[in-house]
């Protein structure tokens, strides 16, 4: 399944399109910084960080605290 297919499938679980793209990216490329994610999926950094906060609040991803905030999906 490609990242695009995975992202499309996640919208049925209540994720927005951007949240789905981020989560699908993290399934194959984690952990990753928000900046790395935004560059990889071609979305604005500010929008990506906002979606990361929402995914974290939903319990879908973990964001490690520290100098570099790395994101990883929750199984």
PDB file of N, CA and C in Angstrom:
ATOM      1  N   UNK A   1       0.851  -1.167   0.000  1.00  0.00           N
ATOM      2  CA  UNK A   1       0.000   0.000   0.000  1.00  0.00           C
ATOM      3  C   UNK A   1       0.902   1.236   0.000  1.00  0.00           C
ATOM      4  N   UNK A   2       0.629   2.160  -0.864  1.00  0.00           N
ATOM      5  CA  UNK A   2       1.423   3.379  -0.945  1.00  0.00           C
ATOM      6  C   UNK A   2       0.997   4.356   0.152  1.00  0.00           C
ATOM      7  N   UNK A   3       1.831   5.373   0.394  1.00  0.00           N
ATOM      8  CA  UNK A   3       1.477   6.403   1.378  1.00  0.00           C
ATOM      9  C   UNK A   3       0.187   7.101   0.994  1.00  0.00           C
ATOM     10  N   UNK A   4      -0.017   7.319  -0.306  1.00  0.00           N
ATOM     11  CA  UNK A   4      -1.244   7.979  -0.770  1.00  0.00           C
ATOM     12  C   UNK A   4      -2.466   7.112  -0.457  1.00  0.00           C
ATOM     13  N   UNK A   5      -2.356   5.795  -0.674  1.00  0.00           N
ATOM     14  CA  UNK A   5      -3.470   4.887  -0.366  1.00  0.00           C
ATOM     15  C   UNK A   5      -3.738   4.856   1.136  1.00  0.00           C
ATOM     16  N   UNK A   6      -2.670   4.815   1.922  1.00  0.00           N
ATOM     17  CA  UNK A   6      -2.819   4.787   3.374  1.00  0.00           C
ATOM     18  C   UNK A   6      -3.471   6.077   3.866  1.00  0.00           C
ATOM     19  N   UNK A   7      -3.032   7.209   3.335  1.00  0.00           N
ATOM     20  CA  UNK A   7      -3.602   8.492   3.734  1.00  0.00           C
ATOM     21  C   UNK A   7      -5.081   8.553   3.375  1.00  0.00           C
ATOM     22  N   UNK A   8      -5.434   8.058   2.226  1.00  0.00           N
ATOM     23  CA  UNK A   8      -6.829   8.052   1.801  1.00  0.00           C
ATOM     24  C   UNK A   8      -7.670   7.195   2.741  1.00  0.00           C
ATOM     25  N   UNK A   9      -7.152   6.052   3.145  1.00  0.00           N
ATOM     26  CA  UNK A   9      -7.887   5.157   4.033  1.00  0.00           C
ATOM     27  C   UNK A   9      -8.092   5.772   5.419  1.00  0.00           C
ATOM     28  N   UNK A  10      -7.147   6.583   5.875  1.00  0.00           N
ATOM     29  CA  UNK A  10      -7.227   7.156   7.216  1.00  0.00           C
ATOM     30  C   UNK A  10      -8.301   8.220   7.357  1.00  0.00           C
ATOM     31  N   UNK A  11      -8.712   8.833   6.277  1.00  0.00           N
ATOM     32  CA  UNK A  11      -9.750   9.854   6.381  1.00  0.00           C
ATOM     33  C   UNK A  11     -11.072   9.267   6.869  1.00  0.00           C
ATOM     34  N   UNK A  12     -11.282   7.979   6.632  1.00  0.00           N
ATOM     35  CA  UNK A  12     -12.509   7.346   7.116  1.00  0.00           C
ATOM     36  C   UNK A  12     -12.509   7.176   8.638  1.00  0.00           C
ATOM     37  N   UNK A  13     -11.335   7.361   9.265  1.00  0.00           N
ATOM     38  CA  UNK A  13     -11.238   7.289  10.726  1.00  0.00           C
ATOM     39  C   UNK A  13     -11.323   8.662  11.381  1.00  0.00           C
ATOM     40  N   UNK A  14     -11.646   9.689  10.588  1.00  0.00           N
ATOM     41  CA  UNK A  14     -11.811  11.020  11.137  1.00  0.00           C
ATOM     42  C   UNK A  14     -10.593  11.905  11.046  1.00  0.00           C
ATOM     43  N   UNK A  15      -9.534  11.441  10.384  1.00  0.00           N
ATOM     44  CA  UNK A  15      -8.357  12.280  10.187  1.00  0.00           C
ATOM     45  C   UNK A  15      -8.619  13.232   9.028  1.00  0.00           C
ATOM     46  N   UNK A  16      -8.053  14.435   9.108  1.00  0.00           N
ATOM     47  CA  UNK A  16      -8.116  15.343   7.969  1.00  0.00           C
ATOM     48  C   UNK A  16      -7.150  14.832   6.902  1.00  0.00           C
ATOM     49  N   UNK A  17      -7.203  15.406   5.732  1.00  0.00           N
ATOM     50  CA  UNK A  17      -6.284  15.010   4.670  1.00  0.00           C
ATOM     51  C   UNK A  17      -4.835  15.188   5.079  1.00  0.00           C
ATOM     52  N   UNK A  18      -4.515  16.331   5.704  1.00  0.00           N
ATOM     53  CA  UNK A  18      -3.132  16.594   6.120  1.00  0.00           C
ATOM     54  C   UNK A  18      -2.711  15.653   7.236  1.00  0.00           C
ATOM     55  N   UNK A  19      -3.568  15.437   8.213  1.00  0.00           N
ATOM     56  CA  UNK A  19      -3.249  14.495   9.293  1.00  0.00           C
ATOM     57  C   UNK A  19      -2.986  13.104   8.728  1.00  0.00           C
ATOM     58  N   UNK A  20      -3.771  12.706   7.762  1.00  0.00           N
ATOM     59  CA  UNK A  20      -3.596  11.393   7.135  1.00  0.00           C
ATOM     60  C   UNK A  20      -2.256  11.295   6.423  1.00  0.00           C
ATOM     61  N   UNK A  21      -1.887  12.347   5.702  1.00  0.00           N
ATOM     62  CA  UNK A  21      -0.601  12.346   5.004  1.00  0.00           C
ATOM     63  C   UNK A  21       0.561  12.254   5.981  1.00  0.00           C
ATOM     64  N   UNK A  22       0.475  12.989   7.073  1.00  0.00           N
ATOM     65  CA  UNK A  22       1.533  12.962   8.086  1.00  0.00           C
ATOM     66  C   UNK A  22       1.650  11.573   8.699  1.00  0.00           C
ATOM     67  N   UNK A  23       0.533  11.005   9.106  1.00  0.00           N
ATOM     68  CA  UNK A  23       0.559   9.682   9.734  1.00  0.00           C
ATOM     69  C   UNK A  23       1.088   8.627   8.771  1.00  0.00           C
ATOM     70  N   UNK A  24       0.645   8.669   7.529  1.00  0.00           N
ATOM     71  CA  UNK A  24       1.117   7.710   6.523  1.00  0.00           C
ATOM     72  C   UNK A  24       2.619   7.860   6.304  1.00  0.00           C
ATOM     73  N   UNK A  25       3.110   9.086   6.265  1.00  0.00           N
ATOM     74  CA  UNK A  25       4.550   9.311   6.118  1.00  0.00           C
ATOM     75  C   UNK A  25       5.293   8.714   7.298  1.00  0.00           C
ATOM     76  N   UNK A  26       4.786   8.938   8.502  1.00  0.00           N
ATOM     77  CA  UNK A  26       5.468   8.430   9.693  1.00  0.00           C
ATOM     78  C   UNK A  26       5.464   6.909   9.773  1.00  0.00           C
ATOM     79  N   UNK A  27       4.513   6.266   9.131  1.00  0.00           N
ATOM     80  CA  UNK A  27       4.505   4.797   9.127  1.00  0.00           C
ATOM     81  C   UNK A  27       5.737   4.232   8.447  1.00  0.00           C
ATOM     82  N   UNK A  28       6.280   4.966   7.495  1.00  0.00           N
ATOM     83  CA  UNK A  28       7.453   4.471   6.764  1.00  0.00           C
ATOM     84  C   UNK A  28       8.735   5.212   7.100  1.00  0.00           C
ATOM     85  N   UNK A  29       8.637   6.414   7.635  1.00  0.00           N
ATOM     86  CA  UNK A  29       9.815   7.252   7.860  1.00  0.00           C
ATOM     87  C   UNK A  29       9.842   7.833   9.270  1.00  0.00           C
ATOM     88  N   UNK A  30       9.766   7.004  10.273  1.00  0.00           N
ATOM     89  CA  UNK A  30       9.775   7.565  11.619  1.00  0.00           C
ATOM     90  C   UNK A  30      10.969   7.045  12.409  1.00  0.00           C
ATOM     91  N   UNK A  31      11.398   7.800  13.364  1.00  0.00           N
ATOM     92  CA  UNK A  31      10.887   9.093  13.772  1.00  0.00           C
ATOM     93  C   UNK A  31      11.356  10.190  12.819  1.00  0.00           C
ATOM     94  N   UNK A  32      10.641  11.297  12.830  1.00  0.00           N
ATOM     95  CA  UNK A  32      10.979  12.426  11.969  1.00  0.00           C
ATOM     96  C   UNK A  32      10.567  13.727  12.644  1.00  0.00           C
ATOM     97  N   UNK A  33      11.272  14.790  12.319  1.00  0.00           N
ATOM     98  CA  UNK A  33      10.918  16.107  12.837  1.00  0.00           C
ATOM     99  C   UNK A  33       9.758  16.668  12.021  1.00  0.00           C
ATOM    100  N   UNK A  34       9.083  17.650  12.588  1.00  0.00           N
ATOM    101  CA  UNK A  34       8.001  18.298  11.864  1.00  0.00           C
ATOM    102  C   UNK A  34       8.488  18.931  10.577  1.00  0.00           C
ATOM    103  N   UNK A  35       9.672  19.530  10.629  1.00  0.00           N
ATOM    104  CA  UNK A  35      10.227  20.156   9.426  1.00  0.00           C
ATOM    105  C   UNK A  35      10.479  19.112   8.343  1.00  0.00           C
ATOM    106  N   UNK A  36      11.037  17.983   8.732  1.00  0.00           N
ATOM    107  CA  UNK A  36      11.305  16.899   7.772  1.00  0.00           C
ATOM    108  C   UNK A  36      10.003  16.400   7.157  1.00  0.00           C
ATOM    109  N   UNK A  37       8.990  16.259   7.979  1.00  0.00           N
ATOM    110  CA  UNK A  37       7.683  15.803   7.496  1.00  0.00           C
ATOM    111  C   UNK A  37       7.127  16.791   6.477  1.00  0.00           C
ATOM    112  N   UNK A  38       7.165  18.082   6.816  1.00  0.00           N
ATOM    113  CA  UNK A  38       6.595  19.086   5.913  1.00  0.00           C
ATOM    114  C   UNK A  38       7.329  19.111   4.578  1.00  0.00           C
ATOM    115  N   UNK A  39       8.641  18.946   4.600  1.00  0.00           N
ATOM    116  CA  UNK A  39       9.405  18.919   3.360  1.00  0.00           C
ATOM    117  C   UNK A  39       9.056  17.689   2.524  1.00  0.00           C
ATOM    118  N   UNK A  40       8.896  16.560   3.184  1.00  0.00           N
ATOM    119  CA  UNK A  40       8.634  15.303   2.473  1.00  0.00           C
ATOM    120  C   UNK A  40       7.249  15.274   1.832  1.00  0.00           C
ATOM    121  N   UNK A  41       6.257  15.840   2.521  1.00  0.00           N
ATOM    122  CA  UNK A  41       4.900  15.790   1.972  1.00  0.00           C
ATOM    123  C   UNK A  41       4.532  17.048   1.190  1.00  0.00           C
ATOM    124  N   UNK A  42       5.437  18.034   1.188  1.00  0.00           N
ATOM    125  CA  UNK A  42       5.219  19.233   0.390  1.00  0.00           C
ATOM    126  C   UNK A  42       4.145  20.160   0.919  1.00  0.00           C
ATOM    127  N   UNK A  43       4.041  20.253   2.232  1.00  0.00           N
ATOM    128  CA  UNK A  43       3.041  21.129   2.857  1.00  0.00           C
ATOM    129  C   UNK A  43       3.748  22.212   3.669  1.00  0.00           C
ATOM    130  N   UNK A  44       3.087  23.357   3.900  1.00  0.00           N
ATOM    131  CA  UNK A  44       3.694  24.422   4.704  1.00  0.00           C
ATOM    132  C   UNK A  44       4.037  23.948   6.115  1.00  0.00           C
ATOM    133  N   UNK A  45       5.158  24.436   6.620  1.00  0.00           N
ATOM    134  CA  UNK A  45       5.642  24.020   7.938  1.00  0.00           C
ATOM    135  C   UNK A  45       4.616  24.334   9.035  1.00  0.00           C
ATOM    136  N   UNK A  46       4.043  25.527   9.017  1.00  0.00           N
ATOM    137  CA  UNK A  46       3.088  25.918  10.059  1.00  0.00           C
ATOM    138  C   UNK A  46       1.879  24.991  10.083  1.00  0.00           C
ATOM    139  N   UNK A  47       1.359  24.656   8.917  1.00  0.00           N
ATOM    140  CA  UNK A  47       0.205  23.750   8.844  1.00  0.00           C
ATOM    141  C   UNK A  47       0.581  22.361   9.344  1.00  0.00           C
ATOM    142  N   UNK A  48       1.786  21.929   9.009  1.00  0.00           N
ATOM    143  CA  UNK A  48       2.252  20.606   9.428  1.00  0.00           C
ATOM    144  C   UNK A  48       2.362  20.535  10.943  1.00  0.00           C
ATOM    145  N   UNK A  49       2.948  21.561  11.560  1.00  0.00           N
ATOM    146  CA  UNK A  49       3.082  21.554  13.016  1.00  0.00           C
ATOM    147  C   UNK A  49       1.723  21.583  13.712  1.00  0.00           C
ATOM    148  N   UNK A  50       0.776  22.314  13.170  1.00  0.00           N
ATOM    149  CA  UNK A  50      -0.575  22.349  13.748  1.00  0.00           C
ATOM    150  C   UNK A  50      -1.219  20.958  13.665  1.00  0.00           C
ATOM    151  N   UNK A  51      -1.072  20.297  12.532  1.00  0.00           N
ATOM    152  CA  UNK A  51      -1.635  18.950  12.372  1.00  0.00           C
ATOM    153  C   UNK A  51      -0.927  17.955  13.294  1.00  0.00           C
ATOM    154  N   UNK A  52       0.374  18.131  13.505  1.00  0.00           N
ATOM    155  CA  UNK A  52       1.111  17.264  14.427  1.00  0.00           C
ATOM    156  C   UNK A  52       0.549  17.416  15.838  1.00  0.00           C
ATOM    157  N   UNK A  53       0.268  18.650  16.256  1.00  0.00           N
ATOM    158  CA  UNK A  53      -0.329  18.881  17.576  1.00  0.00           C
ATOM    159  C   UNK A  53      -1.682  18.180  17.694  1.00  0.00           C
ATOM    160  N   UNK A  54      -2.472  18.257  16.639  1.00  0.00           N
ATOM    161  CA  UNK A  54      -3.787  17.619  16.650  1.00  0.00           C
ATOM    162  C   UNK A  54      -3.650  16.099  16.714  1.00  0.00           C
ATOM    163  N   UNK A  55      -2.737  15.540  15.931  1.00  0.00           N
ATOM    164  CA  UNK A  55      -2.511  14.091  15.969  1.00  0.00           C
ATOM    165  C   UNK A  55      -2.029  13.645  17.343  1.00  0.00           C
ATOM    166  N   UNK A  56      -1.184  14.450  17.968  1.00  0.00           N
ATOM    167  CA  UNK A  56      -0.713  14.124  19.313  1.00  0.00           C
ATOM    168  C   UNK A  56      -1.879  14.156  20.303  1.00  0.00           C
ATOM    169  N   UNK A  57      -2.738  15.150  20.196  1.00  0.00           N
ATOM    170  CA  UNK A  57      -3.906  15.252  21.081  1.00  0.00           C
ATOM    171  C   UNK A  57      -4.866  14.081  20.890  1.00  0.00           C
ATOM    172  N   UNK A  58      -4.958  13.584  19.656  1.00  0.00           N
ATOM    173  CA  UNK A  58      -5.813  12.429  19.354  1.00  0.00           C
ATOM    174  C   UNK A  58      -5.184  11.117  19.801  1.00  0.00           C
ATOM    175  N   UNK A  59      -3.909  11.153  20.192  1.00  0.00           N
ATOM    176  CA  UNK A  59      -3.213   9.944  20.615  1.00  0.00           C
ATOM    177  C   UNK A  59      -2.700   9.098  19.466  1.00  0.00           C
ATOM    178  N   UNK A  60      -2.616   9.680  18.274  1.00  0.00           N
ATOM    179  CA  UNK A  60      -2.187   8.931  17.092  1.00  0.00           C
ATOM    180  C   UNK A  60      -0.680   8.920  16.916  1.00  0.00           C
ATOM    181  N   UNK A  61      -0.013   9.949  17.457  1.00  0.00           N
ATOM    182  CA  UNK A  61       1.447   9.994  17.371  1.00  0.00           C
ATOM    183  C   UNK A  61       2.028  10.387  18.721  1.00  0.00           C
ATOM    184  N   UNK A  62       3.299  10.076  18.882  1.00  0.00           N
ATOM    185  CA  UNK A  62       4.065  10.475  20.054  1.00  0.00           C
ATOM    186  C   UNK A  62       5.086  11.493  19.583  1.00  0.00           C
ATOM    187  N   UNK A  63       5.237  12.574  20.340  1.00  0.00           N
ATOM    188  CA  UNK A  63       6.256  13.568  20.038  1.00  0.00           C
ATOM    189  C   UNK A  63       7.237  13.564  21.201  1.00  0.00           C
ATOM    190  N   UNK A  64       8.467  13.143  20.921  1.00  0.00           N
ATOM    191  CA  UNK A  64       9.505  13.084  21.947  1.00  0.00           C
ATOM    192  C   UNK A  64       9.962  14.495  22.267  1.00  0.00           C
ATOM    193  N   UNK A  65      10.022  14.816  23.540  1.00  0.00           N
ATOM    194  CA  UNK A  65      10.482  16.132  23.973  1.00  0.00           C
ATOM    195  C   UNK A  65      12.006  16.140  24.040  1.00  0.00           C
ATOM    196  N   UNK A  66      12.601  17.242  23.741  1.00  0.00           N
ATOM    197  CA  UNK A  66      14.042  17.392  23.775  1.00  0.00           C
ATOM    198  C   UNK A  66      14.493  18.446  22.786  1.00  0.00           C
ATOM    199  N   UNK A  67      15.790  18.472  22.521  1.00  0.00           N
ATOM    200  CA  UNK A  67      16.318  19.447  21.568  1.00  0.00           C
ATOM    201  C   UNK A  67      15.682  19.282  20.203  1.00  0.00           C
ATOM    202  N   UNK A  68      15.547  18.054  19.766  1.00  0.00           N
ATOM    203  CA  UNK A  68      14.890  17.749  18.503  1.00  0.00           C
ATOM    204  C   UNK A  68      13.606  16.983  18.808  1.00  0.00           C
ATOM    205  N   UNK A  69      12.483  17.565  18.458  1.00  0.00           N
ATOM    206  CA  UNK A  69      11.202  16.927  18.750  1.00  0.00           C
ATOM    207  C   UNK A  69      10.890  15.947  17.615  1.00  0.00           C
ATOM    208  N   UNK A  70      11.075  14.679  17.891  1.00  0.00           N
ATOM    209  CA  UNK A  70      10.842  13.637  16.902  1.00  0.00           C
ATOM    210  C   UNK A  70       9.438  13.059  17.051  1.00  0.00           C
ATOM    211  N   UNK A  71       8.788  12.845  15.921  1.00  0.00           N
ATOM    212  CA  UNK A  71       7.431  12.305  15.896  1.00  0.00           C
ATOM    213  C   UNK A  71       7.472  10.855  15.447  1.00  0.00           C
ATOM    214  N   UNK A  72       6.629  10.049  16.071  1.00  0.00           N
ATOM    215  CA  UNK A  72       6.510   8.647  15.681  1.00  0.00           C
ATOM    216  C   UNK A  72       5.046   8.228  15.825  1.00  0.00           C
ATOM    217  N   UNK A  73       4.567   7.353  14.929  1.00  0.00           N
ATOM    218  CA  UNK A  73       3.169   6.918  15.020  1.00  0.00           C
ATOM    219  C   UNK A  73       2.948   5.945  16.169  1.00  0.00           C
ATOM    220  N   UNK A  74       1.751   5.951  16.694  1.00  0.00           N
ATOM    221  CA  UNK A  74       1.340   4.969  17.704  1.00  0.00           C
ATOM    222  C   UNK A  74       0.673   3.836  16.923  1.00  0.00           C
ATOM    223  N   UNK A  75       1.018   2.626  17.274  1.00  0.00           N
ATOM    224  CA  UNK A  75       0.418   1.467  16.586  1.00  0.00           C
ATOM    225  C   UNK A  75      -1.057   1.354  16.888  1.00  0.00           C
TER     226      UNK A  75
END
